[in-house]
Amino acid sequence: MIHERTPLNLNEVKTILEEIPESEKKEEINTFLKKFLKTKNESAKKIKEELEKLDLLKIKREHVVKIIDLLPQDASDLNKIFIDVSLTEDETNKILEIIKKNK
């Protein structure tokens, strides 16, 4: 039963997965995480906290999750995440600086 729909980054999924008993699906998810997980849990938490501290109305929870999972390197990569919103150059630079600092 679904209680709540909240976007999760891959680190959060990994943490939740550790609490689930062993199964074939758990192994499939672990294999996926090994392929695509780019950040350590501590780095992901720091990036999330700092992005939330920016207090920009344009940045939604979905955007934060994608930023943590994809770790965009430049403005063009970041703009692929923010399809529905246009960021100013200053906002883009702040986000990219947070990513570089906490990799």
C-alpha atoms as a PDB file:
ATOM      1  CA  MET A   1       0.000   0.000   0.000  1.00  0.00           C
ATOM      2  CA  ILE A   2       1.318   3.420  -0.950  1.00  0.00           C
ATOM      3  CA  HIS A   3       1.233   5.870   1.946  1.00  0.00           C
ATOM      4  CA  GLU A   4       3.067   8.772   0.411  1.00  0.00           C
ATOM      5  CA  ARG A   5       4.679   9.723  -2.902  1.00  0.00           C
ATOM      6  CA  THR A   6       8.022  11.370  -2.274  1.00  0.00           C
ATOM      7  CA  PRO A   7      10.880  11.528  -4.785  1.00  0.00           C
ATOM      8  CA  LEU A   8      13.993   9.780  -3.455  1.00  0.00           C
ATOM      9  CA  ASN A   9      17.565  10.001  -4.642  1.00  0.00           C
ATOM     10  CA  LEU A  10      19.470   6.762  -5.164  1.00  0.00           C
ATOM     11  CA  ASN A  11      21.260   7.045  -1.816  1.00  0.00           C
ATOM     12  CA  GLU A  12      17.935   7.214  -0.014  1.00  0.00           C
ATOM     13  CA  VAL A  13      16.733   4.179  -1.962  1.00  0.00           C
ATOM     14  CA  LYS A  14      19.862   2.277  -0.944  1.00  0.00           C
ATOM     15  CA  THR A  15      19.258   3.131   2.731  1.00  0.00           C
ATOM     16  CA  ILE A  16      15.650   1.941   2.576  1.00  0.00           C
ATOM     17  CA  LEU A  17      16.688  -1.176   0.679  1.00  0.00           C
ATOM     18  CA  GLU A  18      18.968  -2.238   3.531  1.00  0.00           C
ATOM     19  CA  GLU A  19      15.895  -2.646   5.755  1.00  0.00           C
ATOM     20  CA  ILE A  20      14.117  -4.970   3.317  1.00  0.00           C
ATOM     21  CA  PRO A  21      14.604  -8.743   3.601  1.00  0.00           C
ATOM     22  CA  GLU A  22      16.617 -10.517   0.912  1.00  0.00           C
ATOM     23  CA  SER A  23      14.759 -11.284  -2.323  1.00  0.00           C
ATOM     24  CA  GLU A  24      15.294 -11.475  -6.047  1.00  0.00           C
ATOM     25  CA  LYS A  25      13.905  -7.957  -6.526  1.00  0.00           C
ATOM     26  CA  LYS A  26      16.289  -6.606  -3.896  1.00  0.00           C
ATOM     27  CA  GLU A  27      19.214  -8.093  -5.830  1.00  0.00           C
ATOM     28  CA  GLU A  28      17.978  -6.485  -9.052  1.00  0.00           C
ATOM     29  CA  ILE A  29      17.730  -3.099  -7.367  1.00  0.00           C
ATOM     30  CA  ASN A  30      21.198  -3.509  -5.813  1.00  0.00           C
ATOM     31  CA  THR A  31      22.642  -4.274  -9.249  1.00  0.00           C
ATOM     32  CA  PHE A  32      21.002  -1.143 -10.626  1.00  0.00           C
ATOM     33  CA  LEU A  33      22.331   0.965  -7.752  1.00  0.00           C
ATOM     34  CA  LYS A  34      25.879  -0.311  -8.272  1.00  0.00           C
ATOM     35  CA  LYS A  35      25.718   0.824 -11.900  1.00  0.00           C
ATOM     36  CA  PHE A  36      24.238   4.269 -11.403  1.00  0.00           C
ATOM     37  CA  LEU A  37      25.002   5.460  -7.871  1.00  0.00           C
ATOM     38  CA  LYS A  38      27.556   8.263  -8.230  1.00  0.00           C
ATOM     39  CA  THR A  39      27.716   9.792  -4.756  1.00  0.00           C
ATOM     40  CA  LYS A  40      28.404   8.649  -1.252  1.00  0.00           C
ATOM     41  CA  ASN A  41      25.591   9.035   1.255  1.00  0.00           C
ATOM     42  CA  GLU A  42      27.356  11.858   3.121  1.00  0.00           C
ATOM     43  CA  SER A  43      27.944  13.845  -0.071  1.00  0.00           C
ATOM     44  CA  ALA A  44      24.327  13.418  -1.143  1.00  0.00           C
ATOM     45  CA  LYS A  45      23.091  14.697   2.224  1.00  0.00           C
ATOM     46  CA  LYS A  46      25.381  17.738   2.058  1.00  0.00           C
ATOM     47  CA  ILE A  47      24.293  18.593  -1.478  1.00  0.00           C
ATOM     48  CA  LYS A  48      20.639  18.238  -0.494  1.00  0.00           C
ATOM     49  CA  GLU A  49      21.048  20.444   2.592  1.00  0.00           C
ATOM     50  CA  GLU A  50      22.919  23.161   0.728  1.00  0.00           C
ATOM     51  CA  LEU A  51      20.448  23.216  -2.160  1.00  0.00           C
ATOM     52  CA  GLU A  52      17.601  23.566   0.323  1.00  0.00           C
ATOM     53  CA  LYS A  53      19.488  26.413   2.067  1.00  0.00           C
ATOM     54  CA  LEU A  54      19.494  28.358  -1.215  1.00  0.00           C
ATOM     55  CA  ASP A  55      15.741  28.674  -0.646  1.00  0.00           C
ATOM     56  CA  LEU A  56      14.966  29.141  -4.329  1.00  0.00           C
ATOM     57  CA  LEU A  57      11.300  28.699  -5.185  1.00  0.00           C
ATOM     58  CA  LYS A  58      12.261  27.317  -8.594  1.00  0.00           C
ATOM     59  CA  ILE A  59      14.007  24.279  -7.104  1.00  0.00           C
ATOM     60  CA  LYS A  60      11.524  21.549  -6.253  1.00  0.00           C
ATOM     61  CA  ARG A  61      12.202  18.265  -4.464  1.00  0.00           C
ATOM     62  CA  GLU A  62      12.222  16.467  -7.838  1.00  0.00           C
ATOM     63  CA  HIS A  63      14.982  18.771  -9.071  1.00  0.00           C
ATOM     64  CA  VAL A  64      17.111  18.192  -5.971  1.00  0.00           C
ATOM     65  CA  VAL A  65      16.808  14.422  -6.414  1.00  0.00           C
ATOM     66  CA  LYS A  66      17.878  14.602 -10.061  1.00  0.00           C
ATOM     67  CA  ILE A  67      20.781  16.918  -9.263  1.00  0.00           C
ATOM     68  CA  ILE A  68      22.079  14.471  -6.640  1.00  0.00           C
ATOM     69  CA  ASP A  69      21.626  11.455  -8.923  1.00  0.00           C
ATOM     70  CA  LEU A  70      23.081  12.986 -12.093  1.00  0.00           C
ATOM     71  CA  LEU A  71      25.656  15.452 -10.711  1.00  0.00           C
ATOM     72  CA  PRO A  72      25.556  17.872 -13.661  1.00  0.00           C
ATOM     73  CA  GLN A  73      28.949  19.322 -14.578  1.00  0.00           C
ATOM     74  CA  ASP A  74      27.927  22.445 -16.476  1.00  0.00           C
ATOM     75  CA  ALA A  75      24.998  24.738 -17.210  1.00  0.00           C
ATOM     76  CA  SER A  76      23.778  22.729 -20.195  1.00  0.00           C
ATOM     77  CA  ASP A  77      23.584  19.546 -18.094  1.00  0.00           C
ATOM     78  CA  LEU A  78      21.787  21.427 -15.343  1.00  0.00           C
ATOM     79  CA  ASN A  79      19.288  22.930 -17.792  1.00  0.00           C
ATOM     80  CA  LYS A  80      18.312  19.414 -18.873  1.00  0.00           C
ATOM     81  CA  ILE A  81      17.026  18.852 -15.344  1.00  0.00           C
ATOM     82  CA  PHE A  82      15.173  22.183 -15.185  1.00  0.00           C
ATOM     83  CA  ILE A  83      13.083  21.738 -18.330  1.00  0.00           C
ATOM     84  CA  ASP A  84       9.999  23.493 -16.963  1.00  0.00           C
ATOM     85  CA  VAL A  85      11.894  26.348 -15.272  1.00  0.00           C
ATOM     86  CA  SER A  86      14.598  28.704 -16.475  1.00  0.00           C
ATOM     87  CA  LEU A  87      17.387  29.465 -14.031  1.00  0.00           C
ATOM     88  CA  THR A  88      19.350  32.674 -13.977  1.00  0.00           C
ATOM     89  CA  GLU A  89      23.097  32.522 -14.489  1.00  0.00           C
ATOM     90  CA  ASP A  90      23.627  33.288 -10.790  1.00  0.00           C
ATOM     91  CA  GLU A  91      21.316  30.446  -9.693  1.00  0.00           C
ATOM     92  CA  THR A  92      23.022  28.047 -12.085  1.00  0.00           C
ATOM     93  CA  ASN A  93      26.474  28.990 -10.797  1.00  0.00           C
ATOM     94  CA  LYS A  94      25.401  28.563  -7.164  1.00  0.00           C
ATOM     95  CA  ILE A  95      24.025  25.077  -7.840  1.00  0.00           C
ATOM     96  CA  LEU A  96      27.107  23.996  -9.802  1.00  0.00           C
ATOM     97  CA  GLU A  97      29.376  25.331  -7.052  1.00  0.00           C
ATOM     98  CA  ILE A  98      27.535  23.246  -4.446  1.00  0.00           C
ATOM     99  CA  ILE A  99      27.957  20.145  -6.593  1.00  0.00           C
ATOM    100  CA  LYS A 100      31.680  20.735  -7.159  1.00  0.00           C
ATOM    101  CA  LYS A 101      32.301  21.438  -3.488  1.00  0.00           C
ATOM    102  CA  ASN A 102      30.540  18.300  -2.233  1.00  0.00           C
ATOM    103  CA  LYS A 103      31.426  15.664  -4.810  1.00  0.00           C
END
